[in-house]
């Protein structure tokens, strides 16, 4: 996947000017927030479950090596194979090796952000292996040649009329006069086309929401059932997961599951929760003959013990972006890589470097909604501040921003000078803006006034009002 994170500002401007995208993003604001609030309110112990989920993941991260070894032992004891991938390149090479050993030409895929992270689809196509996305949203964006714009709703940026246009463009073997005006007809057509792909596939590839050390099981959570068909119909099943997905026991997994769907889609539980433990046994009616797990590091181990370790608690529910005003305005593609929204603003610099993704932690109002709804209580604003500090220390900010902060710091370290300067500035701006109440242009504030008016100050400064109130108290 081509990284465009350094061009976030340009991406954001293009997104704001895209009428179709803005129409689609309205579904994020209206479709997720209320459902999450209703689901959380209906479960009296929801906040206690968040605490328990956080503690489970913190315990795992403190003993990650031990749980990964235990998980790998259980997978191999069940007849599966575990492959350790330090980098995205290693993971791609391992998966291609399995495909070549099986002489695979077609693979079906369940929705997986990890395979997006390692750029698997393009790599397989380069080596004459055809990947077919089976999640409806992923299938739509594969037809469009795009990448997911949301981690649980990959095609949330696409409107129904655009999907109809894509289906007519690609499904040329079907009646051109067919009716595709209703969402159900689009769904039925995709289901019929994909069903043939399931039976053609040589290998099925899925991600994993959880890896259970106790049993060696991989677990996927879906609402479509495509993951089940991807796992059980081909002769080989490959699980691709990052190392932090491991949990100690099925009981621990069950606790986290109680906050996952409620935070993501407002459901008590997703429609399908599928456990896979090794290849099929002699008494099993179906399932793969070979079972492989590719465990990806790709920068995660470097986050352990750092100020960004808490990001590894993330269970990819999407609640942070569902509630983020910046994501609501620009969508996921503006972030320029796999992970959008507040979680992407923290995770992306961790994985590809602050030099590539330094703009993303700045794309925040710091309203705190992301942290307030995160089921794993990840302090996203705090970690975005850490990335801002690193960006500043490495002189990656624009020079004007650095000099501006330096000037502010000069005054902030001298309270008397700061208060005097603020009184002068506020008084001057109040007089100049008294008639219109706002400024359409202002020196040193062009980054703001190029896109919106700056309200004129009203009355004395906060500090002056505070001092007056205390004096009169």
Protein backbone atom coordinates (compact mmCIF):
# COMPACT_ATOMS: atom_id res chain seq x y z
CA UNK A 1 0.00 0.00 0.00
CA UNK A 2 1.40 3.38 -1.01
CA UNK A 3 1.84 5.59 2.06
CA UNK A 4 0.43 9.10 1.74
CA UNK A 5 0.43 10.01 5.44
CA UNK A 6 2.99 12.81 4.89
CA UNK A 7 0.40 14.48 2.63
CA UNK A 8 -2.35 14.40 5.27
CA UNK A 9 -3.17 18.09 4.90
CA UNK A 10 -3.60 17.78 1.13
CA UNK A 11 -5.59 14.57 1.60
CA UNK A 12 -7.85 16.31 4.12
CA UNK A 13 -8.50 19.26 1.80
CA UNK A 14 -9.47 16.88 -1.01
CA UNK A 15 -11.77 14.96 1.36
CA UNK A 16 -13.53 18.14 2.47
CA UNK A 17 -14.21 19.03 -1.17
CA UNK A 18 -15.55 15.56 -2.04
CA UNK A 19 -19.34 15.83 -1.93
CA UNK A 20 -19.94 12.07 -2.29
CA UNK A 21 -17.55 11.34 0.56
CA UNK A 22 -19.14 13.94 2.81
CA UNK A 23 -22.54 12.39 2.14
CA UNK A 24 -21.22 8.94 3.03
CA UNK A 25 -19.51 10.15 6.21
CA UNK A 26 -22.88 11.22 7.55
CA UNK A 27 -23.57 7.52 8.04
CA UNK A 28 -20.68 7.28 10.51
CA UNK A 29 -22.04 10.08 12.66
CA UNK A 30 -25.59 8.74 12.59
CA UNK A 31 -24.95 5.00 12.46
CA UNK A 32 -22.54 4.23 15.28
CA UNK A 33 -22.60 6.73 18.14
CA UNK A 34 -26.16 6.24 19.34
CA UNK A 35 -26.02 2.46 19.02
CA UNK A 36 -22.84 2.26 21.09
CA UNK A 37 -24.32 4.48 23.82
CA UNK A 38 -27.54 2.45 23.95
CA UNK A 39 -25.69 -0.88 24.13
CA UNK A 40 -23.37 0.33 26.88
CA UNK A 41 -26.23 1.79 28.92
CA UNK A 42 -28.14 -1.51 28.72
CA UNK A 43 -25.30 -3.39 30.43
CA UNK A 44 -24.93 -2.27 34.07
CA UNK A 45 -21.44 -3.76 34.41
CA UNK A 46 -20.09 -2.25 31.19
CA UNK A 47 -17.58 0.05 32.92
CA UNK A 48 -16.35 -2.78 35.13
CA UNK A 49 -15.90 -4.95 32.03
CA UNK A 50 -13.78 -2.21 30.47
CA UNK A 51 -11.55 -2.28 33.53
CA UNK A 52 -11.28 -6.07 33.39
CA UNK A 53 -10.50 -6.03 29.66
CA UNK A 54 -7.77 -3.46 30.20
CA UNK A 55 -6.24 -5.48 33.01
CA UNK A 56 -6.26 -8.69 30.97
CA UNK A 57 -4.37 -7.07 28.12
CA UNK A 58 -1.93 -5.33 30.45
CA UNK A 59 -1.15 -8.69 32.03
CA UNK A 60 -0.60 -10.26 28.61
CA UNK A 61 1.71 -7.48 27.46
CA UNK A 62 3.79 -7.88 30.63
CA UNK A 63 4.25 -11.60 29.83
CA UNK A 64 3.84 -11.59 26.06
CA UNK A 65 6.73 -13.93 25.31
CA UNK A 66 5.38 -16.62 27.63
CA UNK A 67 1.85 -16.50 26.22
CA UNK A 68 3.07 -16.56 22.63
CA UNK A 69 5.18 -19.63 23.33
CA UNK A 70 2.24 -21.33 25.05
CA UNK A 71 -0.04 -20.49 22.13
CA UNK A 72 2.46 -21.77 19.56
CA UNK A 73 2.89 -25.05 21.49
CA UNK A 74 -0.88 -25.61 21.52
CA UNK A 75 -1.22 -24.88 17.78
CA UNK A 76 1.49 -27.39 16.94
CA UNK A 77 0.04 -29.96 19.33
CA UNK A 78 -3.24 -29.71 17.41
CA UNK A 79 -1.47 -30.40 14.11
CA UNK A 80 -1.02 -26.81 12.96
CA UNK A 81 2.10 -24.88 11.98
CA UNK A 82 3.32 -21.58 13.45
CA UNK A 83 5.46 -19.16 11.45
CA UNK A 84 7.18 -16.17 13.07
CA UNK A 85 7.41 -13.03 10.93
CA UNK A 86 9.57 -10.17 12.13
CA UNK A 87 8.55 -7.84 9.29
CA UNK A 88 5.86 -7.40 6.65
CA UNK A 89 8.29 -8.74 4.07
CA UNK A 90 8.82 -11.89 6.15
CA UNK A 91 5.05 -12.42 6.44
CA UNK A 92 4.50 -12.01 2.71
CA UNK A 93 7.32 -14.42 1.92
CA UNK A 94 5.96 -17.05 4.32
CA UNK A 95 2.42 -16.83 2.91
CA UNK A 96 3.66 -16.98 -0.67
CA UNK A 97 5.76 -20.02 0.23
CA UNK A 98 2.66 -21.83 1.49
CA UNK A 99 0.76 -20.85 -1.68
CA UNK A 100 3.57 -22.13 -3.89
CA UNK A 101 3.85 -25.38 -1.95
CA UNK A 102 0.12 -25.94 -2.45
CA UNK A 103 0.25 -24.76 -6.10
CA UNK A 104 -2.50 -22.30 -5.17
CA UNK A 105 -3.83 -19.94 -7.81
CA UNK A 106 -6.86 -18.49 -5.98
CA UNK A 107 -7.19 -17.57 -2.31
CA UNK A 108 -10.28 -16.29 -0.53
CA UNK A 109 -9.79 -13.81 2.30
CA UNK A 110 -11.75 -12.74 5.31
CA UNK A 111 -11.50 -9.11 6.42
CA UNK A 112 -8.04 -8.54 7.88
CA UNK A 113 -6.31 -5.26 8.64
CA UNK A 114 -3.05 -7.15 9.10
CA UNK A 115 -3.06 -8.34 5.49
CA UNK A 116 -3.68 -4.71 4.52
CA UNK A 117 -0.73 -3.70 6.69
CA UNK A 118 1.64 -6.09 4.93
CA UNK A 119 0.28 -5.32 1.44
CA UNK A 120 -0.59 -8.96 0.83
CA UNK A 121 -3.08 -8.64 -2.02
CA UNK A 122 -0.80 -6.75 -4.38
CA UNK A 123 2.09 -9.06 -3.51
CA UNK A 124 0.10 -12.20 -4.28
CA UNK A 125 -1.12 -10.76 -7.57
CA UNK A 126 2.49 -10.04 -8.56
CA UNK A 127 3.20 -13.76 -8.09
CA UNK A 128 0.21 -15.07 -10.09
CA UNK A 129 -2.00 -15.78 -7.07
CA UNK A 130 -5.46 -14.16 -7.18
CA UNK A 131 -6.82 -12.93 -3.83
CA UNK A 132 -10.61 -12.57 -3.48
CA UNK A 133 -12.00 -10.49 -0.63
CA UNK A 134 -15.18 -12.09 0.75
CA UNK A 135 -16.32 -9.50 3.29
CA UNK A 136 -18.89 -7.39 1.43
CA UNK A 137 -17.22 -4.09 2.23
CA UNK A 138 -13.78 -5.43 1.36
CA UNK A 139 -15.16 -6.94 -1.86
CA UNK A 140 -16.60 -3.55 -2.87
CA UNK A 141 -13.36 -1.67 -2.34
CA UNK A 142 -11.37 -4.42 -4.07
CA UNK A 143 -13.54 -3.86 -7.15
CA UNK A 144 -12.84 -0.13 -6.84
CA UNK A 145 -9.09 -0.60 -6.42
CA UNK A 146 -9.18 1.15 -3.05
CA UNK A 147 -8.15 0.43 0.52
CA UNK A 148 -10.38 0.34 3.63
CA UNK A 149 -11.36 3.70 5.06
CA UNK A 150 -12.54 2.22 8.38
CA UNK A 151 -11.32 -0.80 10.30
CA UNK A 152 -14.76 -2.40 10.78
CA UNK A 153 -16.70 -0.82 7.89
CA UNK A 154 -14.12 -0.73 5.09
CA UNK A 155 -16.50 0.72 2.48
CA UNK A 156 -18.18 3.29 4.71
CA UNK A 157 -16.96 6.02 2.34
CA UNK A 158 -18.94 4.56 -0.59
CA UNK A 159 -22.58 5.35 -1.38
CA UNK A 160 -25.15 2.88 -2.74
CA UNK A 161 -25.21 4.41 -6.21
CA UNK A 162 -21.45 4.01 -6.45
CA UNK A 163 -21.72 0.33 -5.50
CA UNK A 164 -24.36 -0.22 -8.16
CA UNK A 165 -22.10 1.40 -10.76
CA UNK A 166 -19.18 -0.84 -9.75
CA UNK A 167 -21.27 -4.01 -9.85
CA UNK A 168 -22.53 -3.20 -13.34
CA UNK A 169 -18.98 -2.43 -14.47
CA UNK A 170 -17.47 -5.67 -13.14
CA UNK A 171 -20.31 -8.22 -13.22
CA UNK A 172 -20.65 -8.09 -16.98
CA UNK A 173 -21.83 -11.72 -17.17
CA UNK A 174 -25.15 -10.73 -15.55
CA UNK A 175 -28.23 -9.21 -17.16
CA UNK A 176 -27.52 -5.50 -17.75
CA UNK A 177 -31.24 -4.74 -17.26
CA UNK A 178 -31.34 -6.22 -13.74
CA UNK A 179 -32.68 -4.09 -10.89
CA UNK A 180 -29.97 -3.03 -8.42
CA UNK A 181 -31.78 -0.15 -6.78
CA UNK A 182 -32.28 -1.81 -3.38
CA UNK A 183 -29.45 -2.68 -0.98
CA UNK A 184 -30.82 -6.23 -0.73
CA UNK A 185 -30.40 -6.77 -4.46
CA UNK A 186 -26.79 -5.61 -4.27
CA UNK A 187 -26.20 -7.96 -1.36
CA UNK A 188 -27.78 -10.91 -3.16
CA UNK A 189 -25.68 -10.31 -6.25
CA UNK A 190 -22.45 -10.15 -4.26
CA UNK A 191 -23.39 -13.32 -2.39
CA UNK A 192 -24.04 -15.22 -5.64
CA UNK A 193 -20.79 -14.07 -7.24
CA UNK A 194 -18.71 -14.86 -4.16
CA UNK A 195 -20.21 -18.31 -3.62
CA UNK A 196 -18.46 -19.59 -6.73
CA UNK A 197 -15.18 -18.12 -5.48
CA UNK A 198 -15.37 -20.08 -2.23
CA UNK A 199 -15.42 -23.38 -4.11
CA UNK A 200 -12.63 -22.32 -6.45
CA UNK A 201 -10.24 -21.27 -3.70
CA UNK A 202 -7.15 -23.35 -2.98
CA UNK A 203 -6.39 -21.51 0.28
CA UNK A 204 -8.41 -19.44 2.74
CA UNK A 205 -6.77 -16.56 4.62
CA UNK A 206 -8.25 -14.88 7.69
CA UNK A 207 -7.09 -12.54 10.37
CA UNK A 208 -7.81 -13.09 14.05
CA UNK A 209 -9.52 -11.02 16.69
CA UNK A 210 -8.00 -13.20 19.39
CA UNK A 211 -5.45 -15.99 19.77
CA UNK A 212 -6.05 -18.15 22.85
CA UNK A 213 -2.93 -19.48 24.56
CA UNK A 214 -4.94 -22.00 26.59
CA UNK A 215 -6.24 -23.89 23.53
CA UNK A 216 -4.23 -22.73 20.50
CA UNK A 217 -7.44 -21.38 18.95
CA UNK A 218 -7.78 -18.43 16.59
CA UNK A 219 -11.04 -16.50 16.81
CA UNK A 220 -12.71 -14.27 14.25
CA UNK A 221 -15.76 -12.09 14.82
CA UNK A 222 -17.97 -11.31 11.81
CA UNK A 223 -21.49 -10.34 10.86
CA UNK A 224 -21.61 -12.05 7.46
CA UNK A 225 -20.37 -15.61 7.90
CA UNK A 226 -17.87 -15.18 5.07
CA UNK A 227 -15.06 -15.96 7.48
CA UNK A 228 -16.51 -19.42 8.16
CA UNK A 229 -16.67 -20.30 4.45
CA UNK A 230 -13.16 -18.94 3.96
CA UNK A 231 -11.86 -21.20 6.74
CA UNK A 232 -13.64 -24.50 6.16
CA UNK A 233 -13.96 -24.89 2.37
CA UNK A 234 -10.36 -24.63 1.10
CA UNK A 235 -7.90 -27.40 1.92
CA UNK A 236 -5.53 -24.95 3.61
CA UNK A 237 -6.32 -22.24 6.16
CA UNK A 238 -3.80 -19.48 6.93
CA UNK A 239 -4.31 -17.22 9.94
CA UNK A 240 -2.39 -13.93 9.85
CA UNK A 241 -2.29 -12.08 13.16
CA UNK A 242 -0.10 -9.63 15.04
CA UNK A 243 1.57 -10.85 18.20
CA UNK A 244 -0.46 -8.74 20.65
CA UNK A 245 -3.70 -10.56 19.74
CA UNK A 246 -2.95 -13.38 22.19
CA UNK A 247 -5.02 -13.76 25.39
CA UNK A 248 -4.48 -16.31 28.16
CA UNK A 249 -7.79 -18.23 28.25
CA UNK A 250 -11.19 -18.59 26.63
CA UNK A 251 -12.67 -16.96 29.72
CA UNK A 252 -10.45 -13.90 29.18
CA UNK A 253 -11.50 -13.78 25.55
CA UNK A 254 -15.16 -13.95 26.58
CA UNK A 255 -14.78 -10.97 28.90
CA UNK A 256 -13.23 -8.80 26.20
CA UNK A 257 -15.85 -9.97 23.71
CA UNK A 258 -18.55 -8.41 25.91
CA UNK A 259 -17.17 -4.93 25.24
CA UNK A 260 -16.02 -5.50 21.64
CA UNK A 261 -19.30 -5.63 19.68
CA UNK A 262 -21.04 -3.11 21.96
CA UNK A 263 -18.24 -0.62 21.31
CA UNK A 264 -17.98 -1.36 17.59
CA UNK A 265 -21.51 -1.68 16.22
CA UNK A 266 -23.77 -1.41 19.25
CA UNK A 267 -24.58 -5.14 19.16
CA UNK A 268 -24.62 -7.30 22.26
CA UNK A 269 -22.55 -9.75 20.25
CA UNK A 270 -21.57 -10.09 16.62
CA UNK A 271 -23.58 -12.55 14.51
CA UNK A 272 -20.70 -15.02 14.15
CA UNK A 273 -17.92 -15.84 16.58
CA UNK A 274 -15.82 -18.60 15.05
CA UNK A 275 -13.13 -20.63 16.81
CA UNK A 276 -10.55 -22.57 14.80
CA UNK A 277 -8.13 -24.98 16.42
CA UNK A 278 -5.79 -26.69 13.98
CA UNK A 279 -6.68 -28.72 10.89
CA UNK A 280 -9.74 -30.95 10.75
CA UNK A 281 -9.65 -34.19 12.67
CA UNK A 282 -10.76 -37.57 11.26
CA UNK A 283 -14.20 -37.21 12.83
CA UNK A 284 -14.78 -33.64 11.56
CA UNK A 285 -17.25 -33.31 8.65
CA UNK A 286 -15.38 -30.35 7.13
CA UNK A 287 -12.44 -28.02 7.62
CA UNK A 288 -8.94 -27.51 6.24
CA UNK A 289 -6.39 -30.30 5.90
CA UNK A 290 -3.56 -27.87 6.70
CA UNK A 291 -3.59 -25.07 9.25
CA UNK A 292 -0.95 -22.33 9.41
CA UNK A 293 -0.60 -19.33 11.71
CA UNK A 294 1.65 -16.42 10.72
CA UNK A 295 2.51 -14.31 13.78
CA UNK A 296 3.60 -10.80 12.80
CA UNK A 297 5.71 -8.42 14.86
CA UNK A 298 6.37 -5.57 12.42
CA UNK A 299 7.31 -3.06 15.10
CA UNK A 300 5.09 -4.24 17.97
CA UNK A 301 7.91 -5.50 20.16
CA UNK A 302 9.56 -2.08 19.95
CA UNK A 303 6.44 -0.58 21.52
CA UNK A 304 6.72 -2.81 24.59
CA UNK A 305 8.09 -0.91 27.56
CA UNK A 306 7.65 2.42 25.79
CA UNK A 307 5.14 5.21 26.28
CA UNK A 308 3.14 3.61 23.44
CA UNK A 309 2.74 0.13 24.95
CA UNK A 310 -0.87 0.82 25.91
CA UNK A 311 -1.73 1.09 22.21
CA UNK A 312 -1.17 -2.67 22.01
CA UNK A 313 -4.36 -3.15 24.05
CA UNK A 314 -6.38 -2.09 20.99
CA UNK A 315 -9.00 -4.65 19.86
CA UNK A 316 -9.82 -2.84 16.59
CA UNK A 317 -13.42 -1.95 17.46
CA UNK A 318 -13.36 1.41 15.67
CA UNK A 319 -15.12 3.28 18.48
CA UNK A 320 -12.45 5.98 18.57
CA UNK A 321 -12.92 6.92 14.91
CA UNK A 322 -16.71 6.57 15.16
CA UNK A 323 -16.68 9.38 17.73
CA UNK A 324 -13.83 11.51 16.33
CA UNK A 325 -14.82 14.89 14.81
CA UNK A 326 -11.70 14.88 12.62
CA UNK A 327 -12.52 11.46 11.18
CA UNK A 328 -16.12 12.61 10.66
CA UNK A 329 -14.80 15.50 8.56
CA UNK A 330 -12.18 13.79 6.38
CA UNK A 331 -12.78 10.03 6.52
CA UNK A 332 -10.19 7.29 6.66
CA UNK A 333 -8.28 7.62 3.39
CA UNK A 334 -6.95 11.04 4.38
CA UNK A 335 -4.77 9.36 7.01
CA UNK A 336 -2.78 7.82 4.19
CA UNK A 337 -2.17 4.29 5.45
CA UNK A 338 -3.96 1.30 6.93
CA UNK A 339 -5.12 2.64 10.30
CA UNK A 340 -7.23 5.83 10.42
CA UNK A 341 -8.69 7.94 13.19
CA UNK A 342 -7.24 8.41 16.68
CA UNK A 343 -5.91 4.85 16.92
CA UNK A 344 -4.17 5.36 13.59
CA UNK A 345 -2.71 8.65 14.79
CA UNK A 346 -0.89 6.67 17.49
CA UNK A 347 -0.28 3.30 15.83
CA UNK A 348 0.84 4.51 12.39
CA UNK A 349 3.86 6.54 13.63
CA UNK A 350 4.78 3.53 15.80
CA UNK A 351 4.88 1.23 12.78
CA UNK A 352 6.14 3.43 9.92
CA UNK A 353 7.88 6.23 11.81
CA UNK A 354 7.05 9.75 12.93
CA UNK A 355 8.92 11.11 9.90
CA UNK A 356 6.26 9.47 7.69
CA UNK A 357 3.22 9.98 9.91
CA UNK A 358 4.03 13.01 12.04
CA UNK A 359 1.02 14.94 10.76
CA UNK A 360 -1.45 12.39 12.14
CA UNK A 361 -1.07 13.09 15.90
CA UNK A 362 -1.73 16.75 15.05
CA UNK A 363 -5.08 15.82 13.47
CA UNK A 364 -6.89 15.96 16.79
CA UNK A 365 -9.00 18.44 18.69
CA UNK A 366 -7.98 16.67 21.93
CA UNK A 367 -11.65 16.61 22.88
CA UNK A 368 -11.02 13.24 24.55
CA UNK A 369 -14.03 11.45 23.06
CA UNK A 370 -11.78 8.67 21.73
CA UNK A 371 -10.42 7.81 25.16
CA UNK A 372 -13.84 8.12 26.80
CA UNK A 373 -15.38 5.45 24.52
CA UNK A 374 -12.39 3.12 24.08
CA UNK A 375 -13.38 -0.25 25.58
CA UNK A 376 -9.74 -0.89 26.51
CA UNK A 377 -9.31 2.55 28.13
CA UNK A 378 -6.36 3.44 25.88
CA UNK A 379 -5.16 7.01 26.64
CA UNK A 380 -5.03 8.05 23.00
CA UNK A 381 -4.69 11.83 23.53
CA UNK A 382 -1.76 11.31 25.90
CA UNK A 383 0.08 9.19 23.34
CA UNK A 384 -0.66 11.67 20.56
CA UNK A 385 1.00 14.31 22.74
CA UNK A 386 4.05 12.04 23.06
CA UNK A 387 4.28 11.82 19.27
CA UNK A 388 3.94 15.60 18.99
CA UNK A 389 6.85 15.94 21.41
CA UNK A 390 8.96 13.56 19.33
CA UNK A 391 8.05 15.36 16.14
CA UNK A 392 9.09 18.67 17.71
CA UNK A 393 12.34 17.30 19.17
CA UNK A 394 13.37 16.01 15.74
CA UNK A 395 12.57 19.35 14.05
CA UNK A 396 9.96 17.71 11.83
CA UNK A 397 7.41 20.50 12.38
CA UNK A 398 7.28 23.44 9.98
CA UNK A 399 9.72 26.16 11.00
CA UNK A 400 6.88 28.62 11.64
CA UNK A 401 5.30 26.20 14.13
CA UNK A 402 8.58 25.68 15.99
CA UNK A 403 9.33 29.39 16.21
CA UNK A 404 5.76 30.10 17.25
CA UNK A 405 5.96 27.59 20.09
CA UNK A 406 9.31 29.01 21.11
CA UNK A 407 7.81 32.49 21.29
CA UNK A 408 4.84 31.19 23.30
CA UNK A 409 7.24 29.38 25.66
CA UNK A 410 9.17 32.63 26.22
CA UNK A 411 6.03 34.33 27.48
CA UNK A 412 4.67 31.27 29.33
CA UNK A 413 7.83 31.10 31.46
CA UNK A 414 7.34 34.73 32.49
CA UNK A 415 3.81 35.01 33.94
CA UNK A 416 3.86 38.76 34.46
CA UNK A 417 4.99 39.42 30.91
CA UNK A 418 2.50 36.81 29.62
CA UNK A 419 -0.48 38.43 31.36
CA UNK A 420 0.52 41.92 30.23
CA UNK A 421 0.93 40.77 26.63
CA UNK A 422 -2.39 38.93 26.70
CA UNK A 423 -4.23 41.98 28.08
CA UNK A 424 -2.73 44.11 25.32
CA UNK A 425 -3.49 41.59 22.58
CA UNK A 426 -7.04 40.87 23.73
CA UNK A 427 -7.82 44.55 24.16
CA UNK A 428 -6.51 45.38 20.69
CA UNK A 429 -8.36 42.52 19.00
CA UNK A 430 -11.57 43.33 20.87
CA UNK A 431 -11.50 46.92 19.57
CA UNK A 432 -10.62 45.92 16.00
CA UNK A 433 -13.26 43.21 15.86
CA UNK A 434 -16.01 45.04 17.69
CA UNK A 435 -18.03 45.87 14.57
CA UNK A 436 -18.00 42.51 12.74
CA UNK A 437 -17.34 40.22 15.70
CA UNK A 438 -14.83 38.17 13.69
CA UNK A 439 -11.72 38.32 11.54
CA UNK A 440 -11.58 36.98 7.99
CA UNK A 441 -7.82 37.54 7.89
CA UNK A 442 -5.23 38.08 10.59
CA UNK A 443 -1.41 38.18 10.59
CA UNK A 444 0.22 35.04 12.01
CA UNK A 445 -3.17 33.27 11.99
CA UNK A 446 -3.38 32.38 8.30
CA UNK A 447 -3.54 28.65 9.04
CA UNK A 448 -6.90 29.32 10.68
CA UNK A 449 -8.33 32.21 8.67
CA UNK A 450 -7.67 30.62 5.28
CA UNK A 451 -10.51 28.21 6.02
CA UNK A 452 -12.69 29.91 8.63
CA UNK A 453 -13.22 33.22 10.38
CA UNK A 454 -11.62 33.82 13.76
CA UNK A 455 -14.11 35.10 16.37
CA UNK A 456 -13.11 38.38 17.96
CA UNK A 457 -12.46 38.26 21.73
CA UNK A 458 -15.38 39.29 23.89
CA UNK A 459 -14.62 41.00 27.18
CA UNK A 460 -11.53 40.61 29.38
CA UNK A 461 -9.26 37.55 29.50
CA UNK A 462 -10.15 34.46 31.50
CA UNK A 463 -7.35 35.21 33.96
CA UNK A 464 -8.69 38.72 34.51
CA UNK A 465 -12.22 37.43 35.09
CA UNK A 466 -10.91 34.73 37.46
CA UNK A 467 -8.91 37.26 39.49
CA UNK A 468 -11.93 39.56 39.71
CA UNK A 469 -14.19 36.75 40.88
CA UNK A 470 -11.73 35.62 43.56
CA UNK A 471 -11.32 39.18 44.77
CA UNK A 472 -15.05 39.67 45.14
CA UNK A 473 -15.62 36.27 46.77
